């Protein structure tokens, strides 16, 4: 993300500048909530982890509710189901 591309500017630098501009336009949080972190790497990592946990939640729910999703012996043991 720090590799410089167009105009000798990196994606990280562009994101940081955009967030800083947004925060300035918000009059340091008076008009709307400030964004505390202007790191693109941290933002994308945080969003990816949130998405991962959403998927894990959905899959766990499917495993608990639908026998079709209980496809391995270990899942059957972990969730306490007898072998069919």
Protein backbone atom coordinates (compact mmCIF):
# COMPACT_ATOMS: atom_id res chain seq x y z
CA UNK A 1 0.00 0.00 0.00
CA UNK A 2 3.00 2.25 0.42
CA UNK A 3 4.30 1.63 -3.10
CA UNK A 4 4.16 4.85 -5.08
CA UNK A 5 2.24 4.77 -8.36
CA UNK A 6 0.57 7.63 -10.19
CA UNK A 7 2.05 11.03 -9.47
CA UNK A 8 4.56 9.41 -7.10
CA UNK A 9 1.77 8.95 -4.55
CA UNK A 10 0.87 5.71 -2.78
CA UNK A 11 -2.60 4.39 -2.01
CA UNK A 12 -1.75 4.76 1.68
CA UNK A 13 -0.79 8.41 1.17
CA UNK A 14 -3.90 9.16 -0.87
CA UNK A 15 -6.15 7.57 1.76
CA UNK A 16 -4.43 9.42 4.60
CA UNK A 17 -4.79 12.73 2.76
CA UNK A 18 -8.49 12.05 2.04
CA UNK A 19 -9.19 11.21 5.70
CA UNK A 20 -7.26 14.26 6.90
CA UNK A 21 -9.28 16.45 4.50
CA UNK A 22 -12.53 14.86 5.71
CA UNK A 23 -11.56 15.50 9.33
CA UNK A 24 -10.62 19.09 8.55
CA UNK A 25 -13.94 19.64 6.76
CA UNK A 26 -15.76 18.30 9.80
CA UNK A 27 -14.20 21.13 11.82
CA UNK A 28 -12.34 18.61 13.95
CA UNK A 29 -15.46 16.60 14.70
CA UNK A 30 -17.96 19.41 15.24
CA UNK A 31 -20.07 18.76 12.12
CA UNK A 32 -19.69 14.98 12.06
CA UNK A 33 -17.63 12.36 13.85
CA UNK A 34 -13.91 12.39 13.16
CA UNK A 35 -12.19 9.33 11.74
CA UNK A 36 -9.50 8.49 14.28
CA UNK A 37 -7.17 6.44 12.12
CA UNK A 38 -6.06 7.46 8.65
CA UNK A 39 -4.19 4.24 7.77
CA UNK A 40 -5.52 2.40 4.72
CA UNK A 41 -3.74 -0.80 5.78
CA UNK A 42 -5.41 -0.78 9.20
CA UNK A 43 -8.80 0.12 7.70
CA UNK A 44 -8.72 -2.72 5.16
CA UNK A 45 -7.48 -5.21 7.75
CA UNK A 46 -10.25 -4.21 10.17
CA UNK A 47 -12.93 -4.47 7.45
CA UNK A 48 -11.60 -7.84 6.28
CA UNK A 49 -11.73 -9.22 9.82
CA UNK A 50 -15.26 -7.91 10.30
CA UNK A 51 -16.29 -9.61 7.07
CA UNK A 52 -14.60 -12.84 8.10
CA UNK A 53 -16.48 -12.92 11.40
CA UNK A 54 -19.77 -12.25 9.60
CA UNK A 55 -19.10 -15.29 7.38
CA UNK A 56 -18.12 -17.45 10.37
CA UNK A 57 -21.34 -16.40 12.15
CA UNK A 58 -23.45 -17.28 9.09
CA UNK A 59 -21.76 -20.65 8.63
CA UNK A 60 -22.09 -21.54 12.32
CA UNK A 61 -25.78 -20.69 12.20
CA UNK A 62 -26.21 -22.87 9.10
CA UNK A 63 -24.36 -25.75 10.76
CA UNK A 64 -26.56 -25.53 13.86
CA UNK A 65 -29.85 -25.29 11.95
CA UNK A 66 -29.40 -27.43 8.84
CA UNK A 67 -28.15 -31.04 8.89
CA UNK A 68 -26.89 -30.65 5.32
CA UNK A 69 -24.13 -28.39 6.64
CA UNK A 70 -22.93 -31.01 9.15
CA UNK A 71 -20.75 -32.65 6.57
CA UNK A 72 -17.79 -33.90 8.60
CA UNK A 73 -17.41 -36.15 11.59
CA UNK A 74 -15.59 -33.44 13.51
CA UNK A 75 -18.48 -30.98 13.02
CA UNK A 76 -20.86 -33.61 14.29
CA UNK A 77 -18.67 -34.11 17.37
CA UNK A 78 -18.08 -30.39 18.00
CA UNK A 79 -21.75 -29.55 17.82
CA UNK A 80 -22.81 -32.65 19.74
CA UNK A 81 -24.69 -34.61 17.10
CA UNK A 82 -24.72 -38.34 16.73
CA UNK A 83 -23.33 -39.84 13.57
CA UNK A 84 -26.06 -40.44 11.04
